[in-house]
């Protein structure tokens, strides 16, 4: 199949008369909606989609350390959107590579913290326990862990994992079972596994 033969994603212009609903975007109604969104959100404005998601977001937050421009943050954001996380927290550098998010950052609340101490202060005010995710001696297997209904899942930088400060901030650190020869798995993949573990327990 050539590129020209590939079907277009999304839907074309909406048939007239257009729906009389403020959630709909006149430009999308006129030109079509090629975004990667659920069919129920076709032609909706970004603001309307976010407002609807906000009525049913889950109780978990996701935080990831970003000291060296970690490229996994985009994947974390996209997965957090898929599992309807309350918010994503970027700890460290404010800038991150948005390519992996595939535009889902438009629909996901994202907050920046300059340090682990700042995240800890925010989490304490929100009364949210911090659950670290890393493969370290003494960790609780996430497969059997009782994750809290409201919490922050904290991930470290790709490679070194949780920083010592992040490890100390966590009330519990969970590991993900591995059976091959590699010492660790990609932080974006670990994020998906951990978020789905919460989903299995609480959603």
C-alpha atoms as a PDB file:
ATOM      1  CA  UNK A   1       0.000   0.000   0.000  1.00  0.00           C
ATOM      2  CA  UNK A   2       1.433   3.364  -1.001  1.00  0.00           C
ATOM      3  CA  UNK A   3       1.204   6.485   1.147  1.00  0.00           C
ATOM      4  CA  UNK A   4      -1.454   7.841  -1.215  1.00  0.00           C
ATOM      5  CA  UNK A   5      -3.578   4.719  -0.641  1.00  0.00           C
ATOM      6  CA  UNK A   6      -3.541   5.057   3.155  1.00  0.00           C
ATOM      7  CA  UNK A   7      -6.923   6.104   4.602  1.00  0.00           C
ATOM      8  CA  UNK A   8      -7.067   9.511   6.254  1.00  0.00           C
ATOM      9  CA  UNK A   9      -7.245   9.596  10.033  1.00  0.00           C
ATOM     10  CA  UNK A  10     -10.273  11.166  11.655  1.00  0.00           C
ATOM     11  CA  UNK A  11     -13.289  12.663   9.931  1.00  0.00           C
ATOM     12  CA  UNK A  12     -13.915  15.236   7.224  1.00  0.00           C
ATOM     13  CA  UNK A  13     -16.058  18.375   7.375  1.00  0.00           C
ATOM     14  CA  UNK A  14     -19.296  18.048   9.329  1.00  0.00           C
ATOM     15  CA  UNK A  15     -22.524  17.981   7.352  1.00  0.00           C
ATOM     16  CA  UNK A  16     -24.669  21.067   7.663  1.00  0.00           C
ATOM     17  CA  UNK A  17     -26.571  22.198   9.584  1.00  0.00           C
ATOM     18  CA  UNK A  18     -23.849  22.229  12.227  1.00  0.00           C
ATOM     19  CA  UNK A  19     -24.666  21.276  15.838  1.00  0.00           C
ATOM     20  CA  UNK A  20     -25.634  24.220  18.021  1.00  0.00           C
ATOM     21  CA  UNK A  21     -23.300  23.401  20.907  1.00  0.00           C
ATOM     22  CA  UNK A  22     -20.506  25.612  22.319  1.00  0.00           C
ATOM     23  CA  UNK A  23     -18.248  22.572  22.738  1.00  0.00           C
ATOM     24  CA  UNK A  24     -17.809  22.324  18.967  1.00  0.00           C
ATOM     25  CA  UNK A  25     -15.031  24.171  17.127  1.00  0.00           C
ATOM     26  CA  UNK A  26     -16.331  25.969  13.994  1.00  0.00           C
ATOM     27  CA  UNK A  27     -12.986  25.535  12.242  1.00  0.00           C
ATOM     28  CA  UNK A  28     -12.975  21.781  12.821  1.00  0.00           C
ATOM     29  CA  UNK A  29     -16.596  21.523  11.727  1.00  0.00           C
ATOM     30  CA  UNK A  30     -15.706  23.275   8.480  1.00  0.00           C
ATOM     31  CA  UNK A  31     -12.381  21.569   7.728  1.00  0.00           C
ATOM     32  CA  UNK A  32     -12.640  18.191   9.458  1.00  0.00           C
ATOM     33  CA  UNK A  33     -11.037  16.750  12.573  1.00  0.00           C
ATOM     34  CA  UNK A  34      -7.874  14.702  12.007  1.00  0.00           C
ATOM     35  CA  UNK A  35      -6.742  14.618  15.633  1.00  0.00           C
ATOM     36  CA  UNK A  36      -6.032  11.408  17.534  1.00  0.00           C
ATOM     37  CA  UNK A  37      -9.042  11.693  19.850  1.00  0.00           C
ATOM     38  CA  UNK A  38     -11.969   9.448  20.743  1.00  0.00           C
ATOM     39  CA  UNK A  39     -14.927   9.617  18.359  1.00  0.00           C
ATOM     40  CA  UNK A  40     -17.066  11.170  21.090  1.00  0.00           C
ATOM     41  CA  UNK A  41     -14.707  14.176  21.081  1.00  0.00           C
ATOM     42  CA  UNK A  42     -14.751  14.752  17.318  1.00  0.00           C
ATOM     43  CA  UNK A  43     -15.040  18.454  16.451  1.00  0.00           C
ATOM     44  CA  UNK A  44     -14.805  19.492  20.130  1.00  0.00           C
ATOM     45  CA  UNK A  45     -12.476  22.310  21.156  1.00  0.00           C
ATOM     46  CA  UNK A  46      -9.418  21.378  23.230  1.00  0.00           C
ATOM     47  CA  UNK A  47     -10.869  23.347  26.150  1.00  0.00           C
ATOM     48  CA  UNK A  48     -14.134  21.392  25.995  1.00  0.00           C
ATOM     49  CA  UNK A  49     -12.295  18.053  25.942  1.00  0.00           C
ATOM     50  CA  UNK A  50     -10.136  19.011  28.933  1.00  0.00           C
ATOM     51  CA  UNK A  51     -13.200  20.192  30.850  1.00  0.00           C
ATOM     52  CA  UNK A  52     -14.947  16.883  30.233  1.00  0.00           C
ATOM     53  CA  UNK A  53     -11.863  14.875  31.260  1.00  0.00           C
ATOM     54  CA  UNK A  54     -11.620  16.944  34.440  1.00  0.00           C
ATOM     55  CA  UNK A  55     -15.012  15.627  35.576  1.00  0.00           C
ATOM     56  CA  UNK A  56     -13.665  12.083  35.855  1.00  0.00           C
ATOM     57  CA  UNK A  57      -9.879  12.109  36.312  1.00  0.00           C
ATOM     58  CA  UNK A  58      -8.380   9.379  38.475  1.00  0.00           C
ATOM     59  CA  UNK A  59      -6.786   9.831  41.881  1.00  0.00           C
ATOM     60  CA  UNK A  60      -3.180   9.146  40.889  1.00  0.00           C
ATOM     61  CA  UNK A  61      -0.571  11.680  39.810  1.00  0.00           C
ATOM     62  CA  UNK A  62       2.632  10.928  37.918  1.00  0.00           C
ATOM     63  CA  UNK A  63       5.991  12.603  38.573  1.00  0.00           C
ATOM     64  CA  UNK A  64       9.268  12.147  36.703  1.00  0.00           C
ATOM     65  CA  UNK A  65      12.712  13.573  37.364  1.00  0.00           C
ATOM     66  CA  UNK A  66      14.157  15.621  34.492  1.00  0.00           C
ATOM     67  CA  UNK A  67      17.754  16.563  35.223  1.00  0.00           C
ATOM     68  CA  UNK A  68      19.199  15.712  31.788  1.00  0.00           C
ATOM     69  CA  UNK A  69      16.298  16.362  29.373  1.00  0.00           C
ATOM     70  CA  UNK A  70      14.882  12.850  29.688  1.00  0.00           C
ATOM     71  CA  UNK A  71      13.257  11.817  26.385  1.00  0.00           C
ATOM     72  CA  UNK A  72      10.822   9.514  28.175  1.00  0.00           C
ATOM     73  CA  UNK A  73       8.711  12.368  29.508  1.00  0.00           C
ATOM     74  CA  UNK A  74       6.669  12.607  26.307  1.00  0.00           C
ATOM     75  CA  UNK A  75       5.803   8.911  26.580  1.00  0.00           C
ATOM     76  CA  UNK A  76       4.930   9.347  30.261  1.00  0.00           C
ATOM     77  CA  UNK A  77       2.592  12.230  29.396  1.00  0.00           C
ATOM     78  CA  UNK A  78       0.905  10.292  26.590  1.00  0.00           C
ATOM     79  CA  UNK A  79       0.356   7.269  28.852  1.00  0.00           C
ATOM     80  CA  UNK A  80      -0.876   9.459  31.703  1.00  0.00           C
ATOM     81  CA  UNK A  81      -3.460  10.902  29.324  1.00  0.00           C
ATOM     82  CA  UNK A  82      -4.513   7.424  28.200  1.00  0.00           C
ATOM     83  CA  UNK A  83      -5.051   6.306  31.803  1.00  0.00           C
ATOM     84  CA  UNK A  84      -6.578   9.677  32.826  1.00  0.00           C
ATOM     85  CA  UNK A  85      -4.037  10.685  35.468  1.00  0.00           C
ATOM     86  CA  UNK A  86      -4.941  13.701  37.558  1.00  0.00           C
ATOM     87  CA  UNK A  87      -1.710  15.500  36.680  1.00  0.00           C
ATOM     88  CA  UNK A  88       1.865  14.994  35.481  1.00  0.00           C
ATOM     89  CA  UNK A  89       4.687  16.606  37.490  1.00  0.00           C
ATOM     90  CA  UNK A  90       8.058  17.314  35.878  1.00  0.00           C
ATOM     91  CA  UNK A  91      10.777  17.625  38.529  1.00  0.00           C
ATOM     92  CA  UNK A  92      13.953  19.476  37.599  1.00  0.00           C
ATOM     93  CA  UNK A  93      14.330  21.119  34.208  1.00  0.00           C
ATOM     94  CA  UNK A  94      11.118  22.766  33.033  1.00  0.00           C
ATOM     95  CA  UNK A  95      11.732  22.063  29.325  1.00  0.00           C
ATOM     96  CA  UNK A  96      11.163  18.561  27.975  1.00  0.00           C
ATOM     97  CA  UNK A  97      10.881  16.898  24.559  1.00  0.00           C
ATOM     98  CA  UNK A  98       7.204  16.995  23.619  1.00  0.00           C
ATOM     99  CA  UNK A  99       7.511  14.873  20.474  1.00  0.00           C
ATOM    100  CA  UNK A 100       6.760  11.629  22.290  1.00  0.00           C
ATOM    101  CA  UNK A 101       3.593  13.093  23.799  1.00  0.00           C
ATOM    102  CA  UNK A 102       1.968  13.153  20.327  1.00  0.00           C
ATOM    103  CA  UNK A 103      -0.022  16.311  21.190  1.00  0.00           C
ATOM    104  CA  UNK A 104      -1.609  14.694  24.262  1.00  0.00           C
ATOM    105  CA  UNK A 105       0.012  17.345  26.467  1.00  0.00           C
ATOM    106  CA  UNK A 106      -2.788  19.644  25.246  1.00  0.00           C
ATOM    107  CA  UNK A 107      -5.271  17.513  27.202  1.00  0.00           C
ATOM    108  CA  UNK A 108      -3.144  16.655  30.243  1.00  0.00           C
ATOM    109  CA  UNK A 109      -2.479  18.925  33.223  1.00  0.00           C
ATOM    110  CA  UNK A 110       1.290  19.319  33.675  1.00  0.00           C
ATOM    111  CA  UNK A 111       3.022  21.016  36.607  1.00  0.00           C
ATOM    112  CA  UNK A 112       6.729  21.815  37.050  1.00  0.00           C
ATOM    113  CA  UNK A 113       8.747  21.579  40.262  1.00  0.00           C
ATOM    114  CA  UNK A 114      12.306  22.826  40.462  1.00  0.00           C
ATOM    115  CA  UNK A 115      13.383  20.204  42.983  1.00  0.00           C
ATOM    116  CA  UNK A 116      12.310  17.072  44.789  1.00  0.00           C
ATOM    117  CA  UNK A 117      11.807  19.198  47.909  1.00  0.00           C
ATOM    118  CA  UNK A 118       9.284  21.312  45.987  1.00  0.00           C
ATOM    119  CA  UNK A 119       7.405  18.190  44.867  1.00  0.00           C
ATOM    120  CA  UNK A 120       7.414  16.835  48.428  1.00  0.00           C
ATOM    121  CA  UNK A 121       6.018  20.121  49.754  1.00  0.00           C
ATOM    122  CA  UNK A 122       3.263  20.130  47.128  1.00  0.00           C
ATOM    123  CA  UNK A 123       2.387  16.465  47.788  1.00  0.00           C
ATOM    124  CA  UNK A 124       2.216  17.083  51.547  1.00  0.00           C
ATOM    125  CA  UNK A 125      -0.189  19.983  51.065  1.00  0.00           C
ATOM    126  CA  UNK A 126      -2.312  17.796  48.767  1.00  0.00           C
ATOM    127  CA  UNK A 127      -2.122  14.917  51.281  1.00  0.00           C
ATOM    128  CA  UNK A 128      -0.766  12.563  48.625  1.00  0.00           C
ATOM    129  CA  UNK A 129       1.789   9.845  49.478  1.00  0.00           C
ATOM    130  CA  UNK A 130       4.728   9.524  47.081  1.00  0.00           C
ATOM    131  CA  UNK A 131       5.288   6.021  45.681  1.00  0.00           C
ATOM    132  CA  UNK A 132       8.662   5.567  43.999  1.00  0.00           C
ATOM    133  CA  UNK A 133       9.110   3.178  41.076  1.00  0.00           C
ATOM    134  CA  UNK A 134      12.582   1.626  40.748  1.00  0.00           C
ATOM    135  CA  UNK A 135      14.340  -1.719  40.885  1.00  0.00           C
ATOM    136  CA  UNK A 136      16.309  -1.427  44.106  1.00  0.00           C
ATOM    137  CA  UNK A 137      17.067  -3.864  46.948  1.00  0.00           C
ATOM    138  CA  UNK A 138      14.213  -3.966  49.438  1.00  0.00           C
ATOM    139  CA  UNK A 139      11.567  -2.684  47.028  1.00  0.00           C
ATOM    140  CA  UNK A 140       7.986  -3.941  47.185  1.00  0.00           C
ATOM    141  CA  UNK A 141       6.969  -5.827  44.002  1.00  0.00           C
ATOM    142  CA  UNK A 142       4.362  -3.701  42.276  1.00  0.00           C
ATOM    143  CA  UNK A 143       2.566  -6.906  41.284  1.00  0.00           C
ATOM    144  CA  UNK A 144       1.601  -7.450  44.934  1.00  0.00           C
ATOM    145  CA  UNK A 145       1.784  -3.886  46.305  1.00  0.00           C
ATOM    146  CA  UNK A 146      -1.370  -2.229  47.634  1.00  0.00           C
ATOM    147  CA  UNK A 147      -1.135   1.102  45.833  1.00  0.00           C
ATOM    148  CA  UNK A 148      -3.055   3.944  47.500  1.00  0.00           C
ATOM    149  CA  UNK A 149      -6.139   5.263  45.722  1.00  0.00           C
ATOM    150  CA  UNK A 150      -4.697   8.789  45.858  1.00  0.00           C
ATOM    151  CA  UNK A 151      -0.955   9.008  45.351  1.00  0.00           C
ATOM    152  CA  UNK A 152       1.967  10.279  43.286  1.00  0.00           C
ATOM    153  CA  UNK A 153       3.845   7.665  41.244  1.00  0.00           C
ATOM    154  CA  UNK A 154       7.424   8.957  41.050  1.00  0.00           C
ATOM    155  CA  UNK A 155       9.875   7.858  38.350  1.00  0.00           C
ATOM    156  CA  UNK A 156      13.575   8.581  38.079  1.00  0.00           C
ATOM    157  CA  UNK A 157      15.765   9.594  35.197  1.00  0.00           C
ATOM    158  CA  UNK A 158      16.408   7.045  32.445  1.00  0.00           C
ATOM    159  CA  UNK A 159      19.527   5.104  33.430  1.00  0.00           C
ATOM    160  CA  UNK A 160      20.264   6.076  37.049  1.00  0.00           C
ATOM    161  CA  UNK A 161      16.653   5.718  38.198  1.00  0.00           C
ATOM    162  CA  UNK A 162      15.424   7.531  41.277  1.00  0.00           C
ATOM    163  CA  UNK A 163      17.838  10.071  42.698  1.00  0.00           C
ATOM    164  CA  UNK A 164      18.794   9.609  46.378  1.00  0.00           C
ATOM    165  CA  UNK A 165      16.568  12.575  47.284  1.00  0.00           C
ATOM    166  CA  UNK A 166      13.628  11.044  45.399  1.00  0.00           C
ATOM    167  CA  UNK A 167      14.173   7.679  47.061  1.00  0.00           C
ATOM    168  CA  UNK A 168      14.202   9.302  50.492  1.00  0.00           C
ATOM    169  CA  UNK A 169      10.992  11.207  49.671  1.00  0.00           C
ATOM    170  CA  UNK A 170       9.046   8.062  48.786  1.00  0.00           C
ATOM    171  CA  UNK A 171       6.873   6.403  51.413  1.00  0.00           C
ATOM    172  CA  UNK A 172       7.211   3.152  49.475  1.00  0.00           C
ATOM    173  CA  UNK A 173       9.339   2.110  46.487  1.00  0.00           C
ATOM    174  CA  UNK A 174       7.933  -0.503  44.131  1.00  0.00           C
ATOM    175  CA  UNK A 175       9.852  -2.677  41.701  1.00  0.00           C
ATOM    176  CA  UNK A 176       8.689  -4.229  38.422  1.00  0.00           C
ATOM    177  CA  UNK A 177       9.494  -7.922  37.968  1.00  0.00           C
ATOM    178  CA  UNK A 178      12.007  -8.650  35.179  1.00  0.00           C
ATOM    179  CA  UNK A 179      13.245 -11.991  33.915  1.00  0.00           C
ATOM    180  CA  UNK A 180      15.755 -11.262  31.154  1.00  0.00           C
ATOM    181  CA  UNK A 181      19.374 -10.125  31.093  1.00  0.00           C
ATOM    182  CA  UNK A 182      18.891  -6.346  31.130  1.00  0.00           C
ATOM    183  CA  UNK A 183      19.312  -4.477  34.411  1.00  0.00           C
ATOM    184  CA  UNK A 184      16.426  -2.098  33.801  1.00  0.00           C
ATOM    185  CA  UNK A 185      13.563  -1.259  31.467  1.00  0.00           C
ATOM    186  CA  UNK A 186      12.803   1.989  29.678  1.00  0.00           C
ATOM    187  CA  UNK A 187      11.323   4.628  32.005  1.00  0.00           C
ATOM    188  CA  UNK A 188       8.419   5.193  29.626  1.00  0.00           C
ATOM    189  CA  UNK A 189       7.598   1.472  29.662  1.00  0.00           C
ATOM    190  CA  UNK A 190       7.929   1.350  33.452  1.00  0.00           C
ATOM    191  CA  UNK A 191       5.508   4.267  33.645  1.00  0.00           C
ATOM    192  CA  UNK A 192       2.904   2.414  31.621  1.00  0.00           C
ATOM    193  CA  UNK A 193       3.229  -0.723  33.745  1.00  0.00           C
ATOM    194  CA  UNK A 194       2.957   1.196  37.019  1.00  0.00           C
ATOM    195  CA  UNK A 195      -0.015   3.268  35.892  1.00  0.00           C
ATOM    196  CA  UNK A 196      -1.818   0.160  34.701  1.00  0.00           C
ATOM    197  CA  UNK A 197      -1.144  -1.504  38.053  1.00  0.00           C
ATOM    198  CA  UNK A 198      -3.023   1.401  39.663  1.00  0.00           C
ATOM    199  CA  UNK A 199      -5.783   1.085  37.058  1.00  0.00           C
ATOM    200  CA  UNK A 200      -6.223  -2.639  37.791  1.00  0.00           C
ATOM    201  CA  UNK A 201      -6.599  -1.880  41.495  1.00  0.00           C
ATOM    202  CA  UNK A 202      -8.790   1.205  41.441  1.00  0.00           C
ATOM    203  CA  UNK A 203     -10.430   1.786  38.032  1.00  0.00           C
END
